Each structure stands twice: as C-alpha cells, then as structure tokens.
Amino acid sequence: MIAPGLNILVAFPPNIPSTSSIDWRRVNYNLMSGTSMACPHVARAAALLLAIHPDWSPAAIRSTLMTIARTTDNEGNPIAKYDEMHSAITLEVRVGHIILQLAVDPGLVYDVNVSDYINFMCSLKYIADQVRLFVEATDPCVGNNVGSPADLNYPSKSVVLTESTIIQELKRTLTNVIISIDPGRLTFTNVMEKYSFMVNVVKIMGSGRYIDETVSGYVA
C-alpha cells in the first residue's frame, strides 16, 4: 500500500547542517520525502484501528488497510507516478492509497492465524529448526496440510500464467467483523463468522498476453 510521503513536514535534528556549504542554518522542522515519511502514516493508521478494535488481529488490521485502499487520487484519476506523472502500474501503486475514513468499518477481513503462518513457512520448505524459531513444536510441518504459498489468506493475490500454466486456483476465507452487511454472494449473519471462496485466474488461449506483462484486477 502507499501513503503520503512527498514533502512531509517532520521533526528534524537541529545539529544536522544543510547540504549547502554556504547555508549554516539549523532547523527543528523540515520538509522531507520518501518511504520513511510514508511508513509513519501507515503505522499511525494501524494504531488508530487497534484502538478502535482492540480484539482484531494484526492480520485483520493489515487486511483492512489493504482492502479499503484506492488506486485513484482525490480527483478520481489514476494515481500518477511522480517522476513522470504517468499512471502508475500495479507494481508501483500496489493495492493503492490508504483511506483511513473507510478503515473503521471494512465489513469483511482476510484474517490469518498461527497455523496459517506455519503452513505458509512449511510450503516454502522451511526446515523444522527454522519454523521452531517462531512456534514451539517438535516437528511443526509434519501432519499439516501445508498446501502452497499462494494459499496464505492474504488480501492480495498474484499468479504467474505461462503457455503451460493457463489456470491457477486460489482459496481465500473472509471473516465478518460487523453484524449489518448488504446481502451478496456471501451472506453473513454473525460477527466473526467465516466463509471461504475460490478465485480462478484463467489465461485466454490465443490472446498472447502472458509474456512480460502484468495484468491487475480486484475482487468485489
């Protein structure tokens, strides 16, 4: 996700001089840009969400910030890449710009528990000693249906389609975090109720759109 990170007014160490040899000023505040300016915005958003929903897991908070993000600016135009002012591609804008006003009541979240993370590490061929750094278990990968790394209940989804791989199936599970929700394909009646759904990503044969190309979309 992305957050405000351009020309952010921040506290500044007064003992750090200017980059100019003729500028001897020292300041307590400065305008700075970069990911180090955007990260505090996301951290504060997560802290505010945790204060409102103290029973939510870190995964639920992450899911909320990701699923309420938008890929358009405040005028409804696609988010632009700063240095070229052209529309940014998915790998640059990711899930989009966080909209904190919408985060308080996301409706549904992609939650993840400890066993999900264990299966994820096991599917990546972590050895037992490595997994035991995170959990207390003699052999955490034995007896678990580890699946594939793509099975982690993560909000965003990505697959690689080639000439030989034309379809990928992903499973996700949604958790209801409110009582009132508009009816849809998944109907929830209780708080913390979960439903799973499948996503099939299919390459259209003959389209030729699979070589060095990124195609994005969303599930609504």
Protein backbone atom coordinates (compact mmCIF):
# COMPACT_ATOMS: atom_id res chain seq x y z
CA MET A 1 0.00 0.00 0.00
CA ILE A 2 1.04 3.61 -0.30
CA ALA A 3 0.61 6.62 1.98
CA PRO A 4 1.57 10.33 1.96
CA GLY A 5 5.32 10.56 1.57
CA LEU A 6 6.05 13.70 -0.50
CA ASN A 7 7.10 16.97 1.15
CA ILE A 8 6.06 15.87 4.65
CA LEU A 9 6.72 18.34 7.48
CA VAL A 10 8.72 16.41 10.07
CA ALA A 11 10.80 16.97 13.19
CA PHE A 12 14.45 17.41 12.24
CA PRO A 13 17.69 17.10 14.26
CA PRO A 14 18.99 20.66 14.72
CA ASN A 15 22.63 19.50 14.71
CA ILE A 16 22.48 18.33 11.07
CA PRO A 17 23.69 21.04 8.67
CA SER A 18 22.36 21.83 5.24
CA THR A 19 23.88 20.13 2.21
CA SER A 20 24.97 23.56 1.00
CA SER A 21 28.38 24.81 2.16
CA ILE A 22 27.09 28.39 2.42
CA ASP A 23 23.95 27.57 4.39
CA TRP A 24 24.67 27.41 8.13
CA ARG A 25 21.06 27.40 9.29
CA ARG A 26 19.84 24.82 11.79
CA VAL A 27 16.16 23.93 11.95
CA ASN A 28 13.85 21.90 14.19
CA TYR A 29 11.50 21.02 11.31
CA ASN A 30 12.00 20.20 7.66
CA LEU A 31 10.18 19.01 4.54
CA MET A 32 11.24 15.51 3.54
CA SER A 33 10.08 12.84 1.11
CA GLY A 34 10.38 9.07 0.79
CA THR A 35 9.16 5.79 2.20
CA SER A 36 10.44 6.80 5.65
CA MET A 37 7.82 9.57 5.58
CA ALA A 38 5.04 7.28 4.37
CA CYS A 39 5.67 4.49 6.92
CA PRO A 40 4.66 6.58 9.97
CA HIS A 41 1.32 7.35 8.30
CA VAL A 42 0.59 3.63 7.92
CA ALA A 43 1.81 2.83 11.45
CA ARG A 44 -0.43 5.54 12.90
CA ALA A 45 -3.39 4.28 10.87
CA ALA A 46 -2.81 0.76 12.25
CA ALA A 47 -2.53 2.12 15.81
CA LEU A 48 -5.81 4.01 15.47
CA LEU A 49 -7.55 0.90 14.13
CA LEU A 50 -6.21 -1.18 17.03
CA ALA A 51 -7.52 1.41 19.48
CA ILE A 52 -10.99 1.17 17.93
CA HIS A 53 -10.92 -2.62 17.52
CA PRO A 54 -8.60 -3.98 20.26
CA ASP A 55 -9.79 -7.56 19.60
CA TRP A 56 -8.62 -7.54 15.98
CA SER A 57 -5.52 -9.48 14.97
CA PRO A 58 -2.59 -7.81 13.17
CA ALA A 59 -3.68 -9.66 10.01
CA ALA A 60 -7.19 -8.21 10.26
CA ILE A 61 -5.78 -4.69 10.60
CA ARG A 62 -3.45 -5.25 7.66
CA SER A 63 -6.34 -6.65 5.61
CA THR A 64 -8.48 -3.60 6.40
CA LEU A 65 -5.81 -1.11 5.37
CA MET A 66 -5.24 -3.02 2.13
CA THR A 67 -8.85 -3.64 1.10
CA ILE A 68 -10.05 -0.07 1.69
CA ALA A 69 -7.16 1.41 -0.30
CA ARG A 70 -7.91 3.18 -3.58
CA THR A 71 -5.93 3.34 -6.82
CA THR A 72 -7.33 6.76 -7.78
CA ASP A 73 -6.41 10.20 -6.49
CA ASN A 74 -8.73 12.72 -4.82
CA GLU A 75 -9.98 13.82 -8.24
CA GLY A 76 -10.85 10.30 -9.35
CA ASN A 77 -7.89 9.94 -11.72
CA PRO A 78 -5.46 7.00 -11.66
CA ILE A 79 -2.61 7.58 -9.22
CA ALA A 80 0.33 9.00 -11.16
CA LYS A 81 4.00 8.15 -10.91
CA TYR A 82 5.66 11.27 -9.50
CA ASP A 83 8.76 11.46 -11.68
CA GLU A 84 6.86 11.01 -14.98
CA MET A 85 3.29 11.96 -13.97
CA HIS A 86 2.03 8.95 -15.93
CA SER A 87 -0.45 6.48 -14.49
CA ALA A 88 1.42 4.17 -12.11
CA ILE A 89 1.32 0.44 -12.78
CA THR A 90 0.14 -2.12 -10.22
CA LEU A 91 3.67 -2.97 -9.05
CA GLU A 92 4.21 0.72 -8.23
CA VAL A 93 0.89 1.61 -6.62
CA ARG A 94 0.34 -1.87 -5.09
CA VAL A 95 -3.14 -2.08 -3.52
CA GLY A 96 -3.45 1.69 -3.53
CA HIS A 97 -3.54 4.66 -1.20
CA ILE A 98 -4.95 4.03 2.28
CA ILE A 99 -8.24 5.79 3.06
CA LEU A 100 -8.43 5.85 6.84
CA GLN A 101 -12.04 7.10 6.96
CA LEU A 102 -13.18 3.80 5.43
CA ALA A 103 -10.99 1.60 7.63
CA VAL A 104 -13.14 1.82 10.76
CA ASP A 105 -15.87 -0.34 9.22
CA PRO A 106 -14.47 -2.58 6.45
CA GLY A 107 -17.22 -5.21 6.75
CA LEU A 108 -15.07 -8.20 5.82
CA VAL A 109 -11.42 -9.02 6.50
CA TYR A 110 -8.89 -11.66 5.47
CA ASP A 111 -7.74 -12.96 8.84
CA VAL A 112 -4.71 -15.20 9.43
CA ASN A 113 -3.89 -17.32 12.48
CA VAL A 114 -0.70 -19.01 13.70
CA SER A 115 -1.40 -22.31 11.92
CA ASP A 116 -1.81 -20.43 8.63
CA TYR A 117 1.65 -18.93 9.01
CA ILE A 118 3.12 -22.32 9.95
CA ASN A 119 1.63 -23.87 6.80
CA PHE A 120 2.97 -20.94 4.78
CA MET A 121 6.52 -21.43 6.07
CA CYS A 122 6.30 -25.19 5.58
CA SER A 123 5.08 -24.71 2.00
CA LEU A 124 8.19 -22.59 1.39
CA LYS A 125 10.30 -25.59 2.50
CA TYR A 126 11.45 -24.07 5.77
CA ILE A 127 13.17 -26.76 7.82
CA ALA A 128 11.87 -27.64 11.30
CA ASP A 129 14.62 -25.70 13.09
CA GLN A 130 13.67 -22.55 11.19
CA VAL A 131 9.94 -22.87 11.93
CA ARG A 132 10.67 -23.55 15.60
CA LEU A 133 12.14 -20.05 15.83
CA PHE A 134 8.53 -18.84 15.68
CA VAL A 135 6.50 -21.64 17.30
CA GLU A 136 7.02 -24.31 19.93
CA ALA A 137 6.59 -27.64 18.19
CA THR A 138 8.76 -30.72 17.79
CA ASP A 139 8.16 -31.02 14.05
CA PRO A 140 5.67 -28.31 13.02
CA CYS A 141 5.43 -29.34 9.36
CA VAL A 142 4.57 -32.99 9.95
CA GLY A 143 0.88 -33.83 9.63
CA ASN A 144 -0.13 -30.39 8.38
CA ASN A 145 -1.84 -29.85 5.06
CA VAL A 146 0.63 -27.15 4.09
CA GLY A 147 -0.64 -26.58 0.55
CA SER A 148 1.20 -23.95 -1.48
CA PRO A 149 2.48 -20.46 -0.57
CA ALA A 150 -0.41 -18.98 -2.57
CA ASP A 151 -2.86 -20.47 -0.05
CA LEU A 152 -1.96 -17.95 2.65
CA ASN A 153 -5.12 -15.97 3.42
CA TYR A 154 -3.58 -12.73 2.20
CA PRO A 155 -5.74 -9.91 0.77
CA SER A 156 -3.82 -9.50 -2.46
CA LYS A 157 -3.44 -12.35 -4.92
CA SER A 158 -0.90 -12.94 -7.68
CA VAL A 159 -0.27 -15.76 -10.10
CA VAL A 160 2.08 -16.42 -12.99
CA LEU A 161 0.44 -17.75 -16.15
CA THR A 162 2.54 -19.27 -18.93
CA GLU A 163 1.96 -21.31 -22.06
CA SER A 164 1.89 -24.47 -19.95
CA THR A 165 0.03 -22.98 -16.95
CA ILE A 166 -3.22 -21.41 -18.08
CA ILE A 167 -5.25 -21.58 -14.87
CA GLN A 168 -4.46 -21.01 -11.21
CA GLU A 169 -6.94 -21.61 -8.37
CA LEU A 170 -6.67 -19.63 -5.14
CA LYS A 171 -8.67 -20.07 -1.94
CA ARG A 172 -9.46 -17.22 0.44
CA THR A 173 -11.53 -17.02 3.63
CA LEU A 174 -13.42 -13.90 4.70
CA THR A 175 -14.35 -13.00 8.27
CA ASN A 176 -17.36 -10.82 9.06
CA VAL A 177 -16.46 -8.07 11.55
CA ILE A 178 -19.86 -6.35 11.69
CA ILE A 179 -23.47 -7.51 12.15
CA SER A 180 -25.09 -5.45 9.41
CA ILE A 181 -23.91 -6.09 5.86
CA ASP A 182 -25.58 -5.85 2.49
CA PRO A 183 -26.52 -9.26 1.03
CA GLY A 184 -24.26 -10.53 -1.68
CA ARG A 185 -22.76 -13.78 -2.88
CA LEU A 186 -21.57 -14.44 0.68
CA THR A 187 -24.23 -13.89 3.34
CA PHE A 188 -23.01 -13.36 6.91
CA THR A 189 -25.27 -13.33 9.97
CA ASN A 190 -22.86 -13.37 12.93
CA VAL A 191 -19.82 -11.38 13.95
CA MET A 192 -16.53 -13.27 13.33
CA GLU A 193 -18.34 -15.71 11.03
CA LYS A 194 -16.12 -17.02 8.23
CA TYR A 195 -16.81 -18.09 4.64
CA SER A 196 -14.35 -19.28 2.01
CA PHE A 197 -14.43 -18.63 -1.69
CA MET A 198 -12.36 -19.68 -4.68
CA VAL A 199 -10.77 -17.45 -7.30
CA ASN A 200 -9.91 -18.90 -10.69
CA VAL A 201 -7.44 -16.92 -12.78
CA VAL A 202 -7.56 -18.07 -16.41
CA LYS A 203 -5.41 -17.08 -19.35
CA ILE A 204 -7.44 -16.70 -22.54
CA MET A 205 -5.86 -19.01 -25.07
CA GLY A 206 -4.59 -17.29 -28.16
CA SER A 207 -4.58 -13.85 -26.57
CA GLY A 208 -0.77 -13.77 -26.44
CA ARG A 209 -0.93 -11.76 -23.23
CA TYR A 210 1.41 -13.62 -20.96
CA ILE A 211 4.96 -12.62 -21.87
CA ASP A 212 6.48 -9.98 -19.55
CA GLU A 213 3.12 -8.39 -18.86
CA THR A 214 1.37 -7.60 -15.58
CA VAL A 215 -2.42 -7.58 -15.53
CA SER A 216 -4.30 -6.43 -12.42
CA GLY A 217 -7.85 -6.53 -11.11
CA TYR A 218 -9.83 -6.84 -7.90
CA VAL A 219 -12.45 -8.94 -6.16
CA ALA A 220 -15.56 -7.06 -5.06
